[in-house]
Every structure is written in C-alpha cells, then in structure tokens.
Amino acid sequence: MKKIVLKVSVMCTKCKICIMTIISKFDGIVSIAMDVEKSTVTIVGAVDAVAVVKALRKAKKPAEIVSVGEPDKKEDEKKPEDCKLPPCCNACRTTVVWLNEPSACTIS
C-alpha cells in the first residue's frame, strides 16, 4: 500500500467531481482525499501513480506527482470542509457555435 500525493488543477465543482470520478475507477484504492486550497489529491492504496496521472491528463485535467511513499500510521482525520468553488469554470463549459451561412453545395 502506498500514499500518493498528486497536484491537480481544481477550478470548479465540476472539475472536482470529474477528478474524483476518474481516480475512483482504479482498483486497489483505500481512500481519496482532496485539498482544494492546496490543489492536491492524496490517494492511499495499491495503485500505480503513473496510470492515475495518465488517466487524468487524458481527460484534460493536468496532474503531476508530488510524492509517493508509505502511508502514515497515524493520519489526522480532517472533516470535509465545504469549499467555495463555482459550479463550473470556463475550461468545463461547452460552447456551441452555430453558423447560419448558406451551404456551398447545391443539388440540381
């Protein structure tokens, strides 16, 4: 079992949910903790750190490994705090472009 600390970019609530969903799909994870203020995710379990980072980058969520080591025997449990993130950031918004131009193709 390892303790992996990743630095990720958490801009909004949608980013946070996406990151947690991607990480939770891996087998062997015991716990996941996200610190929004420090932009870090701590994963405890038997999982490959490189595979997690690759999956996050594939989903356009930049991530890098801060540390990989043994989990602490006595980890101080913090209560989950309500973070004040916006519901959606510019990177998560989808944009629809509608062109109202006549088609160059004509059928005679």
N, C-alpha and C. Protein backbone atom coordinates (compact mmCIF):
# COMPACT_ATOMS: atom_id res chain seq x y z
N MET A 1 0.83 -1.17 0.00
CA MET A 1 0.00 0.00 0.00
C MET A 1 0.88 1.24 0.00
N LYS A 2 0.49 2.25 -0.79
CA LYS A 2 1.27 3.47 -0.93
C LYS A 2 0.38 4.69 -0.67
N LYS A 3 1.06 5.78 -0.33
CA LYS A 3 0.39 7.07 -0.22
C LYS A 3 0.91 7.92 -1.36
N ILE A 4 0.01 8.33 -2.26
CA ILE A 4 0.38 9.10 -3.44
C ILE A 4 -0.24 10.49 -3.31
N VAL A 5 0.58 11.51 -3.49
CA VAL A 5 0.09 12.88 -3.48
C VAL A 5 0.27 13.46 -4.88
N LEU A 6 -0.85 13.93 -5.46
CA LEU A 6 -0.84 14.50 -6.80
C LEU A 6 -1.23 15.96 -6.74
N LYS A 7 -0.62 16.77 -7.60
CA LYS A 7 -1.02 18.16 -7.74
C LYS A 7 -1.90 18.25 -8.96
N VAL A 8 -3.13 18.73 -8.76
CA VAL A 8 -4.11 18.83 -9.84
C VAL A 8 -4.69 20.24 -9.87
N SER A 9 -5.27 20.59 -10.98
CA SER A 9 -5.89 21.90 -11.13
C SER A 9 -7.39 21.76 -10.88
N VAL A 10 -7.85 22.30 -9.75
CA VAL A 10 -9.26 22.26 -9.38
C VAL A 10 -9.80 23.67 -9.45
N MET A 11 -10.57 23.95 -10.50
CA MET A 11 -11.08 25.30 -10.72
C MET A 11 -12.54 25.46 -10.31
N CYS A 12 -13.30 24.37 -10.35
CA CYS A 12 -14.73 24.47 -10.05
C CYS A 12 -15.22 23.13 -9.50
N THR A 13 -16.49 23.09 -9.15
CA THR A 13 -17.09 21.87 -8.61
C THR A 13 -17.11 20.76 -9.65
N LYS A 14 -17.34 21.12 -10.91
CA LYS A 14 -17.37 20.12 -11.97
C LYS A 14 -16.00 19.47 -12.15
N CYS A 15 -14.92 20.28 -12.05
CA CYS A 15 -13.56 19.74 -12.12
C CYS A 15 -13.33 18.74 -10.99
N LYS A 16 -13.75 19.12 -9.79
CA LYS A 16 -13.55 18.27 -8.61
C LYS A 16 -14.26 16.93 -8.78
N ILE A 17 -15.51 16.97 -9.25
CA ILE A 17 -16.27 15.74 -9.45
C ILE A 17 -15.62 14.88 -10.53
N CYS A 18 -15.16 15.49 -11.60
CA CYS A 18 -14.51 14.75 -12.69
C CYS A 18 -13.23 14.07 -12.21
N ILE A 19 -12.41 14.80 -11.46
CA ILE A 19 -11.16 14.25 -10.95
C ILE A 19 -11.41 13.08 -10.01
N MET A 20 -12.36 13.26 -9.08
CA MET A 20 -12.67 12.19 -8.13
C MET A 20 -13.25 10.97 -8.84
N THR A 21 -14.04 11.18 -9.87
CA THR A 21 -14.63 10.06 -10.62
C THR A 21 -13.55 9.27 -11.35
N ILE A 22 -12.63 9.97 -11.98
CA ILE A 22 -11.55 9.29 -12.71
C ILE A 22 -10.69 8.46 -11.76
N ILE A 23 -10.32 9.05 -10.63
CA ILE A 23 -9.44 8.36 -9.68
C ILE A 23 -10.16 7.16 -9.06
N SER A 24 -11.44 7.31 -8.74
CA SER A 24 -12.16 6.24 -8.05
C SER A 24 -12.39 5.01 -8.92
N LYS A 25 -12.18 5.09 -10.22
CA LYS A 25 -12.37 3.94 -11.10
C LYS A 25 -11.23 2.92 -10.99
N PHE A 26 -10.12 3.30 -10.38
CA PHE A 26 -8.98 2.39 -10.25
C PHE A 26 -9.21 1.41 -9.10
N ASP A 27 -8.79 0.15 -9.31
CA ASP A 27 -8.91 -0.87 -8.28
C ASP A 27 -7.76 -0.72 -7.28
N GLY A 28 -8.02 -1.08 -6.04
CA GLY A 28 -6.98 -1.09 -5.02
C GLY A 28 -6.89 0.19 -4.20
N ILE A 29 -7.80 1.12 -4.40
CA ILE A 29 -7.76 2.38 -3.66
C ILE A 29 -8.49 2.20 -2.33
N VAL A 30 -7.83 2.63 -1.25
CA VAL A 30 -8.42 2.56 0.08
C VAL A 30 -9.11 3.88 0.42
N SER A 31 -8.44 5.01 0.13
CA SER A 31 -9.05 6.30 0.41
C SER A 31 -8.54 7.36 -0.56
N ILE A 32 -9.39 8.36 -0.78
CA ILE A 32 -9.05 9.51 -1.62
C ILE A 32 -9.42 10.75 -0.83
N ALA A 33 -8.48 11.69 -0.73
CA ALA A 33 -8.75 12.95 -0.04
C ALA A 33 -8.29 14.10 -0.94
N MET A 34 -9.16 15.10 -1.10
CA MET A 34 -8.81 16.24 -1.94
C MET A 34 -8.73 17.49 -1.08
N ASP A 35 -7.63 18.23 -1.24
CA ASP A 35 -7.46 19.52 -0.58
C ASP A 35 -7.54 20.59 -1.67
N VAL A 36 -8.69 21.26 -1.73
CA VAL A 36 -8.94 22.23 -2.80
C VAL A 36 -8.03 23.44 -2.65
N GLU A 37 -7.78 23.87 -1.41
CA GLU A 37 -6.96 25.06 -1.19
C GLU A 37 -5.52 24.86 -1.67
N LYS A 38 -4.98 23.66 -1.48
CA LYS A 38 -3.60 23.36 -1.92
C LYS A 38 -3.56 22.75 -3.31
N SER A 39 -4.72 22.44 -3.87
CA SER A 39 -4.84 21.77 -5.18
C SER A 39 -4.10 20.44 -5.20
N THR A 40 -4.31 19.63 -4.16
CA THR A 40 -3.69 18.31 -4.10
C THR A 40 -4.74 17.24 -3.86
N VAL A 41 -4.41 16.04 -4.33
CA VAL A 41 -5.22 14.85 -4.09
C VAL A 41 -4.31 13.81 -3.46
N THR A 42 -4.74 13.25 -2.33
CA THR A 42 -3.98 12.21 -1.64
C THR A 42 -4.71 10.89 -1.82
N ILE A 43 -4.02 9.92 -2.38
CA ILE A 43 -4.58 8.59 -2.63
C ILE A 43 -3.82 7.58 -1.79
N VAL A 44 -4.54 6.75 -1.06
CA VAL A 44 -3.92 5.67 -0.29
C VAL A 44 -4.44 4.36 -0.85
N GLY A 45 -3.51 3.46 -1.22
CA GLY A 45 -3.90 2.17 -1.75
C GLY A 45 -2.83 1.58 -2.64
N ALA A 46 -3.14 0.46 -3.22
CA ALA A 46 -2.22 -0.23 -4.11
C ALA A 46 -2.61 0.10 -5.55
N VAL A 47 -2.16 1.27 -6.01
CA VAL A 47 -2.49 1.73 -7.36
C VAL A 47 -1.24 2.35 -7.97
N ASP A 48 -1.14 2.31 -9.29
CA ASP A 48 0.00 2.87 -10.00
C ASP A 48 -0.20 4.37 -10.19
N ALA A 49 0.71 5.16 -9.64
CA ALA A 49 0.60 6.63 -9.70
C ALA A 49 0.67 7.13 -11.14
N VAL A 50 1.50 6.51 -11.95
CA VAL A 50 1.65 6.95 -13.34
C VAL A 50 0.36 6.70 -14.12
N ALA A 51 -0.30 5.59 -13.86
CA ALA A 51 -1.56 5.29 -14.56
C ALA A 51 -2.65 6.29 -14.18
N VAL A 52 -2.67 6.71 -12.92
CA VAL A 52 -3.65 7.69 -12.48
C VAL A 52 -3.40 9.03 -13.16
N VAL A 53 -2.14 9.45 -13.22
CA VAL A 53 -1.79 10.72 -13.86
C VAL A 53 -2.13 10.68 -15.36
N LYS A 54 -1.85 9.55 -16.01
CA LYS A 54 -2.17 9.42 -17.44
C LYS A 54 -3.67 9.53 -17.68
N ALA A 55 -4.47 8.90 -16.80
CA ALA A 55 -5.92 8.96 -16.95
C ALA A 55 -6.43 10.39 -16.75
N LEU A 56 -5.87 11.11 -15.79
CA LEU A 56 -6.28 12.49 -15.56
C LEU A 56 -5.89 13.38 -16.74
N ARG A 57 -4.69 13.20 -17.26
CA ARG A 57 -4.25 14.01 -18.39
C ARG A 57 -5.06 13.70 -19.64
N LYS A 58 -5.47 12.44 -19.81
CA LYS A 58 -6.28 12.06 -20.96
C LYS A 58 -7.64 12.77 -20.91
N ALA A 59 -8.13 13.03 -19.70
CA ALA A 59 -9.40 13.73 -19.52
C ALA A 59 -9.20 15.24 -19.46
N LYS A 60 -8.03 15.72 -19.88
CA LYS A 60 -7.71 17.16 -19.93
C LYS A 60 -7.67 17.80 -18.55
N LYS A 61 -7.28 17.02 -17.53
CA LYS A 61 -7.09 17.53 -16.18
C LYS A 61 -5.61 17.42 -15.86
N PRO A 62 -4.85 18.52 -15.99
CA PRO A 62 -3.40 18.45 -15.77
C PRO A 62 -3.08 17.99 -14.34
N ALA A 63 -2.19 17.03 -14.25
CA ALA A 63 -1.80 16.47 -12.96
C ALA A 63 -0.33 16.12 -12.97
N GLU A 64 0.29 16.21 -11.80
CA GLU A 64 1.69 15.79 -11.66
C GLU A 64 1.87 15.16 -10.30
N ILE A 65 2.83 14.25 -10.21
CA ILE A 65 3.10 13.53 -8.97
C ILE A 65 3.96 14.39 -8.06
N VAL A 66 3.49 14.59 -6.83
CA VAL A 66 4.26 15.34 -5.83
C VAL A 66 5.11 14.38 -5.02
N SER A 67 4.50 13.29 -4.51
CA SER A 67 5.26 12.32 -3.72
C SER A 67 4.56 10.96 -3.74
N VAL A 68 5.37 9.92 -3.58
CA VAL A 68 4.90 8.56 -3.43
C VAL A 68 5.67 7.95 -2.28
N GLY A 69 4.96 7.42 -1.30
CA GLY A 69 5.63 6.85 -0.14
C GLY A 69 4.70 5.98 0.67
N GLU A 70 5.18 5.61 1.85
CA GLU A 70 4.39 4.79 2.75
C GLU A 70 3.35 5.65 3.46
N PRO A 71 2.14 5.12 3.66
CA PRO A 71 1.12 5.90 4.37
C PRO A 71 1.50 6.06 5.84
N ASP A 72 1.11 7.18 6.42
CA ASP A 72 1.38 7.43 7.83
C ASP A 72 0.54 6.48 8.67
N LYS A 73 1.12 6.03 9.78
CA LYS A 73 0.39 5.14 10.68
C LYS A 73 -0.76 5.88 11.34
N LYS A 74 -0.48 7.12 11.76
CA LYS A 74 -1.48 7.90 12.47
C LYS A 74 -1.76 9.17 11.67
N GLU A 75 -2.73 9.07 10.79
CA GLU A 75 -3.07 10.22 9.96
C GLU A 75 -4.18 10.99 10.63
N ASP A 76 -3.98 12.30 10.77
CA ASP A 76 -5.01 13.10 11.40
C ASP A 76 -6.15 13.28 10.42
N GLU A 77 -7.32 12.83 10.85
CA GLU A 77 -8.50 12.88 10.01
C GLU A 77 -9.09 14.28 10.07
N LYS A 78 -9.21 14.91 8.92
CA LYS A 78 -9.84 16.22 8.84
C LYS A 78 -11.27 16.03 8.38
N LYS A 79 -12.16 16.85 8.93
CA LYS A 79 -13.54 16.81 8.48
C LYS A 79 -13.61 17.44 7.10
N PRO A 80 -14.42 16.88 6.23
CA PRO A 80 -14.56 17.51 4.92
C PRO A 80 -15.15 18.91 5.07
N GLU A 81 -14.48 19.87 4.49
CA GLU A 81 -14.92 21.24 4.59
C GLU A 81 -15.67 21.63 3.31
N ASP A 82 -16.64 22.48 3.50
CA ASP A 82 -17.35 22.99 2.33
C ASP A 82 -16.47 23.98 1.63
N CYS A 83 -16.10 23.68 0.42
CA CYS A 83 -15.25 24.59 -0.33
C CYS A 83 -16.13 25.52 -1.15
N LYS A 84 -15.66 26.68 -1.38
CA LYS A 84 -16.42 27.69 -2.11
C LYS A 84 -15.94 27.74 -3.55
N LEU A 85 -16.27 26.70 -4.30
CA LEU A 85 -15.91 26.63 -5.71
C LEU A 85 -17.12 27.02 -6.55
N PRO A 86 -16.88 27.67 -7.69
CA PRO A 86 -18.00 27.95 -8.59
C PRO A 86 -18.53 26.64 -9.18
N PRO A 87 -19.78 26.61 -9.61
CA PRO A 87 -20.32 25.37 -10.15
C PRO A 87 -19.64 24.91 -11.43
N CYS A 88 -19.12 25.85 -12.22
CA CYS A 88 -18.48 25.47 -13.48
C CYS A 88 -17.48 26.54 -13.88
N CYS A 89 -16.32 26.13 -14.39
CA CYS A 89 -15.31 27.09 -14.84
C CYS A 89 -15.32 27.18 -16.36
N ASN A 90 -14.55 28.11 -16.91
CA ASN A 90 -14.51 28.29 -18.37
C ASN A 90 -13.98 27.06 -19.09
N ALA A 91 -13.06 26.33 -18.45
CA ALA A 91 -12.49 25.14 -19.08
C ALA A 91 -13.52 24.02 -19.19
N CYS A 92 -14.50 23.98 -18.29
CA CYS A 92 -15.50 22.91 -18.30
C CYS A 92 -16.73 23.24 -19.15
N ARG A 93 -16.93 24.50 -19.45
CA ARG A 93 -18.10 24.90 -20.23
C ARG A 93 -17.97 24.45 -21.68
N THR A 94 -19.07 24.00 -22.21
CA THR A 94 -19.08 23.64 -23.62
C THR A 94 -19.63 24.83 -24.41
N THR A 95 -19.09 25.02 -25.57
CA THR A 95 -19.50 26.14 -26.41
C THR A 95 -20.07 25.59 -27.70
N VAL A 96 -21.25 26.07 -28.07
CA VAL A 96 -21.88 25.66 -29.32
C VAL A 96 -21.79 26.84 -30.27
N VAL A 97 -21.26 26.59 -31.46
CA VAL A 97 -21.14 27.62 -32.48
C VAL A 97 -22.11 27.27 -33.59
N TRP A 98 -22.98 28.21 -33.90
CA TRP A 98 -23.98 28.00 -34.93
C TRP A 98 -23.68 28.94 -36.09
N LEU A 99 -23.39 28.40 -37.25
CA LEU A 99 -23.14 29.20 -38.43
C LEU A 99 -24.39 29.19 -39.29
N ASN A 100 -24.86 30.36 -39.58
CA ASN A 100 -26.09 30.49 -40.37
C ASN A 100 -25.73 30.95 -41.78
N GLU A 101 -24.83 30.21 -42.40
CA GLU A 101 -24.39 30.54 -43.74
C GLU A 101 -24.98 29.54 -44.73
N PRO A 102 -25.31 30.01 -45.92
CA PRO A 102 -25.82 29.06 -46.90
C PRO A 102 -24.72 28.08 -47.32
N SER A 103 -25.12 26.89 -47.59
CA SER A 103 -24.18 25.84 -47.96
C SER A 103 -23.64 26.09 -49.36
N ALA A 104 -22.39 25.75 -49.57
CA ALA A 104 -21.78 25.88 -50.88
C ALA A 104 -22.22 24.76 -51.81
N CYS A 105 -22.78 23.71 -51.26
CA CYS A 105 -23.24 22.57 -52.05
C CYS A 105 -24.67 22.81 -52.55
N THR A 106 -24.87 22.54 -53.79
CA THR A 106 -26.21 22.64 -54.37
C THR A 106 -26.50 21.39 -55.14
N ILE A 107 -27.71 20.99 -55.07
CA ILE A 107 -28.14 19.80 -55.83
C ILE A 107 -29.07 20.30 -56.93
N SER A 108 -28.72 19.96 -58.19
CA SER A 108 -29.53 20.41 -59.32
C SER A 108 -30.45 19.32 -59.77
